[in-house]
Structures are given as structure tokens and as C-alpha cells.
N, C-alpha and C. Protein backbone atom coordinates (compact mmCIF):
# COMPACT_ATOMS: atom_id res chain seq x y z
N ALA A 1 -156.94 52.78 78.21
CA ALA A 1 -157.51 53.87 78.65
C ALA A 1 -158.81 54.17 79.11
N GLY A 2 -159.63 53.24 78.34
CA GLY A 2 -160.97 53.32 79.04
C GLY A 2 -161.19 52.64 80.12
N ARG A 3 -160.48 51.73 80.89
CA ARG A 3 -160.49 50.94 81.90
C ARG A 3 -160.14 52.01 83.04
N ALA A 4 -158.96 52.52 82.65
CA ALA A 4 -158.18 53.37 83.51
C ALA A 4 -159.48 54.80 83.82
N LEU A 5 -160.45 54.91 83.04
CA LEU A 5 -161.51 55.93 83.53
C LEU A 5 -162.79 55.11 84.09
N GLU A 6 -162.85 54.03 84.28
CA GLU A 6 -163.97 53.77 84.89
C GLU A 6 -164.28 53.78 86.32
N PRO A 7 -163.24 54.19 87.01
CA PRO A 7 -163.56 54.66 88.31
C PRO A 7 -164.00 56.33 88.34
N LEU A 8 -164.04 57.03 87.23
CA LEU A 8 -164.21 58.52 87.31
C LEU A 8 -165.94 58.56 87.66
N LYS A 9 -165.78 59.40 88.39
CA LYS A 9 -167.17 59.77 88.78
C LYS A 9 -168.03 60.32 87.65
N ARG A 10 -169.17 60.18 87.36
CA ARG A 10 -169.86 60.52 86.16
C ARG A 10 -171.11 60.87 86.77
N PRO A 11 -171.86 62.30 86.42
CA PRO A 11 -171.30 62.98 85.21
C PRO A 11 -170.10 63.82 86.02
N VAL A 12 -169.17 64.13 84.92
CA VAL A 12 -167.84 64.92 85.59
C VAL A 12 -168.39 66.37 85.80
N ASP A 13 -167.86 66.68 86.81
CA ASP A 13 -168.46 68.08 87.34
C ASP A 13 -168.28 69.25 86.61
N MET A 14 -167.07 69.25 85.71
CA MET A 14 -166.76 70.60 85.03
C MET A 14 -165.66 69.98 83.70
N VAL A 15 -165.86 70.69 82.48
CA VAL A 15 -165.24 70.46 81.44
C VAL A 15 -164.74 71.73 80.69
N VAL A 16 -163.82 71.97 80.63
CA VAL A 16 -163.25 73.22 79.95
C VAL A 16 -162.59 72.95 78.83
N LEU A 17 -163.00 73.48 77.81
CA LEU A 17 -162.93 73.29 76.16
C LEU A 17 -162.02 74.39 75.51
N GLY A 18 -160.86 73.88 74.84
CA GLY A 18 -160.34 75.09 74.05
C GLY A 18 -160.97 74.55 72.43
N MET A 19 -160.29 75.05 71.51
CA MET A 19 -160.99 74.87 70.52
C MET A 19 -159.74 75.61 69.19
N GLY A 20 -159.34 74.77 68.10
CA GLY A 20 -158.23 75.21 67.18
C GLY A 20 -159.00 75.88 66.06
N GLU A 21 -158.32 76.44 64.98
CA GLU A 21 -159.02 77.61 64.08
C GLU A 21 -159.52 76.49 62.98
N ASP A 22 -158.89 75.37 63.41
CA ASP A 22 -159.91 74.17 62.29
C ASP A 22 -161.63 73.79 62.85
N GLY A 23 -161.70 74.45 64.28
CA GLY A 23 -162.74 73.84 64.89
C GLY A 23 -162.76 72.59 65.69
N HIS A 24 -161.58 71.95 66.03
CA HIS A 24 -161.49 70.67 66.60
C HIS A 24 -161.51 71.08 68.19
N THR A 25 -161.66 70.41 68.75
CA THR A 25 -161.65 70.52 70.39
C THR A 25 -161.66 69.13 70.95
N ALA A 26 -160.98 69.16 71.95
CA ALA A 26 -160.62 67.75 73.12
C ALA A 26 -159.85 66.59 72.18
N SER A 27 -159.07 67.33 71.28
CA SER A 27 -158.60 66.54 70.22
C SER A 27 -159.33 65.73 69.42
N LEU A 28 -160.84 66.18 69.33
CA LEU A 28 -161.71 65.71 68.27
C LEU A 28 -161.36 66.55 67.25
N PHE A 29 -160.82 65.93 66.00
CA PHE A 29 -160.21 66.50 64.87
C PHE A 29 -161.04 66.24 63.76
N PRO A 30 -161.35 67.22 62.94
CA PRO A 30 -161.98 67.02 61.49
C PRO A 30 -161.25 65.86 60.77
N GLY A 31 -161.68 64.87 60.04
CA GLY A 31 -160.99 63.95 59.25
C GLY A 31 -160.56 62.82 60.07
N SER A 32 -160.55 62.69 61.30
CA SER A 32 -159.91 61.95 62.06
C SER A 32 -160.68 60.51 61.86
N PRO A 33 -160.18 59.21 61.67
CA PRO A 33 -161.30 57.87 61.52
C PRO A 33 -162.17 57.65 62.47
N ASN A 34 -162.03 58.07 63.50
CA ASN A 34 -163.20 57.82 64.81
C ASN A 34 -164.01 58.65 65.13
N LEU A 35 -163.96 59.86 64.32
CA LEU A 35 -164.72 61.10 64.95
C LEU A 35 -166.16 60.92 65.07
N ALA A 36 -166.65 60.34 63.86
CA ALA A 36 -168.34 60.35 63.77
C ALA A 36 -168.75 59.15 64.82
N GLN A 37 -167.76 57.90 65.50
CA GLN A 37 -168.21 57.52 66.44
C GLN A 37 -167.98 57.99 67.64
N ALA A 38 -167.04 58.86 67.90
CA ALA A 38 -166.83 59.69 69.22
C ALA A 38 -167.69 60.63 69.39
N LEU A 39 -168.32 61.21 68.28
CA LEU A 39 -169.37 62.28 68.36
C LEU A 39 -170.86 61.91 68.60
N ALA A 40 -171.07 60.28 68.28
CA ALA A 40 -172.32 59.77 68.42
C ALA A 40 -172.98 59.94 69.78
N GLY A 41 -174.12 60.26 69.99
CA GLY A 41 -174.81 60.11 71.32
C GLY A 41 -174.76 58.81 71.82
N THR A 42 -174.92 57.93 71.10
CA THR A 42 -175.17 56.23 71.48
C THR A 42 -173.60 55.76 71.71
N CYS A 43 -172.52 56.67 71.53
CA CYS A 43 -171.20 55.84 71.86
C CYS A 43 -171.08 55.88 73.24
N ALA A 44 -170.89 54.26 73.62
CA ALA A 44 -170.63 53.83 75.24
C ALA A 44 -169.23 53.80 75.64
N GLU A 45 -168.21 54.10 74.64
CA GLU A 45 -166.90 54.41 75.15
C GLU A 45 -166.49 55.67 75.79
N PRO A 46 -165.89 55.89 76.70
CA PRO A 46 -165.55 56.85 77.45
C PRO A 46 -164.35 57.86 76.47
N CYS A 47 -163.58 57.08 75.70
CA CYS A 47 -162.59 57.61 75.24
C CYS A 47 -162.26 56.89 73.93
N MET A 48 -161.80 57.42 73.05
CA MET A 48 -161.38 56.91 71.77
C MET A 48 -160.07 57.70 71.31
N ALA A 49 -159.29 56.62 70.36
CA ALA A 49 -157.97 56.99 69.66
C ALA A 49 -158.42 58.17 68.60
N MET A 50 -157.47 59.03 68.51
CA MET A 50 -157.89 60.27 67.39
C MET A 50 -156.64 60.50 66.55
N LEU A 51 -156.77 60.70 65.52
CA LEU A 51 -155.47 61.18 64.77
C LEU A 51 -155.80 62.93 64.25
N ALA A 52 -154.70 63.56 64.64
CA ALA A 52 -154.98 65.08 63.95
C ALA A 52 -154.04 64.84 62.52
N PRO A 53 -154.77 65.73 61.58
CA PRO A 53 -154.45 65.61 60.27
C PRO A 53 -153.04 66.40 59.85
N VAL A 54 -152.58 67.13 60.66
CA VAL A 54 -151.53 68.18 60.76
C VAL A 54 -150.23 67.49 61.61
N ALA A 55 -150.59 66.55 62.57
CA ALA A 55 -149.83 65.88 63.18
C ALA A 55 -150.22 64.52 63.56
N PRO A 56 -150.06 63.59 62.58
CA PRO A 56 -150.55 62.39 62.49
C PRO A 56 -149.92 61.39 63.75
N HIS A 57 -149.93 61.53 64.89
CA HIS A 57 -149.51 60.72 65.66
C HIS A 57 -150.82 60.46 66.44
N PRO A 58 -151.33 59.19 67.00
CA PRO A 58 -152.31 59.15 67.84
C PRO A 58 -152.50 59.69 69.04
N ARG A 59 -153.85 59.87 69.39
CA ARG A 59 -154.10 60.99 70.61
C ARG A 59 -155.29 60.05 71.25
N ILE A 60 -155.53 60.41 72.51
CA ILE A 60 -156.53 59.86 72.83
C ILE A 60 -157.52 60.99 73.48
N SER A 61 -158.75 60.98 72.81
CA SER A 61 -159.91 61.90 73.53
C SER A 61 -161.13 61.16 74.38
N LEU A 62 -161.42 62.07 75.39
CA LEU A 62 -162.89 61.94 75.59
C LEU A 62 -163.87 61.87 74.50
N THR A 63 -164.98 61.18 74.74
CA THR A 63 -165.88 61.05 73.68
C THR A 63 -166.99 62.13 73.99
N TRP A 64 -167.68 62.38 72.75
CA TRP A 64 -168.81 63.69 73.50
C TRP A 64 -169.67 63.12 74.32
N PRO A 65 -170.16 62.07 74.57
CA PRO A 65 -171.26 61.48 75.32
C PRO A 65 -170.65 61.99 76.86
N LEU A 66 -169.53 61.90 77.17
CA LEU A 66 -169.04 61.79 78.60
C LEU A 66 -168.87 63.48 78.75
N LEU A 67 -168.19 64.29 77.85
CA LEU A 67 -167.89 65.45 77.71
C LEU A 67 -169.39 66.41 77.75
N ALA A 68 -170.07 65.97 76.88
CA ALA A 68 -171.41 67.00 76.89
C ALA A 68 -172.13 66.42 78.14
N ARG A 69 -172.03 65.48 79.05
CA ARG A 69 -173.02 65.44 80.07
C ARG A 69 -172.31 65.82 81.46
N ALA A 70 -171.14 66.42 81.23
CA ALA A 70 -170.52 67.41 82.19
C ALA A 70 -171.50 68.22 82.90
N ARG A 71 -171.65 68.44 84.44
CA ARG A 71 -172.25 69.39 84.89
C ARG A 71 -172.33 70.63 84.59
N ARG A 72 -171.04 71.08 84.13
CA ARG A 72 -170.78 72.35 83.66
C ARG A 72 -169.63 72.54 82.75
N ARG A 73 -170.04 72.85 81.59
CA ARG A 73 -169.02 72.96 80.25
C ARG A 73 -168.93 74.33 79.87
N CYS A 74 -167.75 74.71 79.53
CA CYS A 74 -167.17 75.95 79.20
C CYS A 74 -166.34 75.74 77.85
N LEU A 75 -166.25 76.87 77.35
CA LEU A 75 -165.21 77.11 76.15
C LEU A 75 -164.45 78.29 76.28
N ALA A 76 -163.11 78.07 76.34
CA ALA A 76 -162.38 79.43 76.68
C ALA A 76 -161.52 79.76 75.00
N ILE A 77 -161.95 80.63 74.36
CA ILE A 77 -160.98 80.85 73.13
C ILE A 77 -160.51 82.38 73.35
N GLN A 78 -159.28 82.80 72.57
CA GLN A 78 -158.70 83.90 72.59
C GLN A 78 -158.55 84.56 71.03
N GLY A 79 -158.85 85.77 70.94
CA GLY A 79 -158.59 86.37 69.57
C GLY A 79 -159.58 86.30 68.67
N PRO A 80 -159.56 87.32 67.54
CA PRO A 80 -160.53 87.53 66.47
C PRO A 80 -160.69 86.37 65.74
N ALA A 81 -159.72 85.69 65.21
CA ALA A 81 -159.36 84.39 64.62
C ALA A 81 -160.37 83.25 65.25
N LYS A 82 -160.28 82.79 66.34
CA LYS A 82 -161.10 81.84 67.08
C LYS A 82 -162.52 82.30 67.28
N LEU A 83 -162.55 83.68 67.35
CA LEU A 83 -164.14 84.32 67.26
C LEU A 83 -164.85 84.04 66.13
N GLU A 84 -164.05 84.18 64.82
CA GLU A 84 -164.49 83.80 63.59
C GLU A 84 -164.78 82.39 63.39
N THR A 85 -163.84 81.72 63.78
CA THR A 85 -164.13 80.13 63.87
C THR A 85 -165.34 79.77 64.39
N LEU A 86 -165.52 80.18 65.84
CA LEU A 86 -166.77 79.89 66.35
C LEU A 86 -168.17 80.32 65.74
N ARG A 87 -168.02 81.28 64.97
CA ARG A 87 -169.25 81.81 64.02
C ARG A 87 -169.44 80.95 63.02
N GLN A 88 -168.19 80.52 62.61
CA GLN A 88 -168.59 79.64 61.26
C GLN A 88 -169.16 77.89 61.99
N ALA A 89 -168.70 77.62 63.00
CA ALA A 89 -169.23 76.25 63.61
C ALA A 89 -170.38 76.39 63.86
N LEU A 90 -171.30 77.57 64.22
CA LEU A 90 -172.53 77.98 64.29
C LEU A 90 -173.43 77.29 63.25
N ARG A 91 -172.65 77.30 62.13
CA ARG A 91 -173.43 76.90 60.79
C ARG A 91 -172.82 75.82 60.20
N ALA A 92 -171.98 74.86 60.79
CA ALA A 92 -171.22 73.83 60.33
C ALA A 92 -171.70 72.33 60.87
N ASP A 93 -171.45 71.43 60.27
CA ASP A 93 -171.13 70.17 60.54
C ASP A 93 -170.55 69.53 61.38
N PRO A 94 -171.11 68.95 62.59
CA PRO A 94 -169.74 68.49 63.53
C PRO A 94 -168.67 67.78 62.88
N LEU A 95 -168.98 67.09 61.86
CA LEU A 95 -167.78 66.27 61.49
C LEU A 95 -166.71 67.12 60.70
N ARG A 96 -167.16 68.42 60.44
CA ARG A 96 -166.28 69.15 59.62
C ARG A 96 -165.63 70.30 60.66
N MET A 97 -166.44 70.43 61.78
CA MET A 97 -166.17 71.45 62.82
C MET A 97 -166.56 70.98 64.15
N PRO A 98 -165.69 70.03 64.69
CA PRO A 98 -166.28 69.09 65.73
C PRO A 98 -166.86 69.98 67.07
N ILE A 99 -166.47 71.20 67.37
CA ILE A 99 -166.69 71.90 68.31
C ILE A 99 -168.42 72.44 68.08
N ARG A 100 -168.77 72.30 67.08
CA ARG A 100 -170.15 72.20 66.48
C ARG A 100 -170.96 71.22 67.38
N ALA A 101 -170.32 70.32 67.81
CA ALA A 101 -171.49 69.45 68.65
C ALA A 101 -171.69 69.58 70.10
N PHE A 102 -170.88 70.71 70.47
CA PHE A 102 -171.07 71.07 71.73
C PHE A 102 -171.85 72.42 71.92
N LEU A 103 -172.24 72.84 70.78
CA LEU A 103 -172.95 74.26 70.75
C LEU A 103 -174.53 74.17 71.05
N ASN A 104 -174.95 73.16 71.02
CA ASN A 104 -176.23 73.13 71.46
C ASN A 104 -176.62 72.94 72.62
N ASP A 105 -175.66 72.42 73.48
CA ASP A 105 -175.68 72.03 74.84
C ASP A 105 -175.41 73.50 75.80
N PRO A 106 -175.87 73.36 76.86
CA PRO A 106 -175.73 74.56 77.78
C PRO A 106 -174.16 74.92 77.62
N LEU A 107 -173.62 75.68 77.19
CA LEU A 107 -172.30 76.02 77.02
C LEU A 107 -171.84 77.48 77.57
N GLU A 108 -170.85 77.52 78.78
CA GLU A 108 -170.65 78.88 78.83
C GLU A 108 -169.38 79.05 77.85
N ILE A 109 -169.26 80.37 77.07
CA ILE A 109 -168.22 80.81 76.31
C ILE A 109 -167.36 81.83 76.84
N TYR A 110 -166.25 81.75 77.10
CA TYR A 110 -165.49 82.96 77.41
C TYR A 110 -164.32 83.25 76.28
N TRP A 111 -164.48 84.61 75.80
CA TRP A 111 -163.66 85.09 74.86
C TRP A 111 -163.04 86.11 75.17
N SER A 112 -161.68 86.07 74.63
CA SER A 112 -160.94 87.50 74.90
C SER A 112 -160.13 87.92 73.69
N PRO A 113 -160.12 89.32 73.61
CA PRO A 113 -159.62 89.85 72.34
C PRO A 113 -158.26 89.49 72.20
């Protein structure tokens, strides 16, 4: 998958993230074996294999460096439960709630009740 992404122009123009109630985003799941590496600012890989704890089949995620360097970053969430998750993520460790890794960067947040 990494080779397939080589022609991708970087930085990416725009990334629109979602977020699960466990704080995962972009298939970056808490408890995934590769999570720390995928969130590391020094990660040179554009994508990595991830495992979701509740659906343990392999997934591919873009890594934090590729996503975070996008020219424009947005987060779209809906409902009071996701708003509360976002509030919790502001105080959380990114390994526990991966969305936290994106909250220090310029990020446009769109929430609807």
C-alpha cells in the first residue's frame, strides 16, 4: 500500500477526519499494535496496518505525519456523545484516544447536534 501512495502529491490538500466514541480516527485505534509507530512524528511510512479491538480484521491507515501535514484538516462529528468524547480527548493521551494527536494542529471542527 505504501508503494501505491508514492505518487500522491504531498502535502495532501485536505483531510476530513471522523471520530469514534472511543476516540479513534482514520482507523487509528487505541490498543492497535502499530499505533505508537503510526502516531510518531518521525514515522516515515505513509500508511500502516491497524487492528480495531472490536472488529479484529486488518485495516490500513494513513499515518499521523501524512495526515497532520495536510494543508487543511477538518474533523466532522455528530451528536452529544461525540462532543463529550472530543472533550475527553482534549485531556487524554493519544495512545488512549488517537484523535488527541490531531488536536494540537490547526484543525477545523464541525459538530452538529
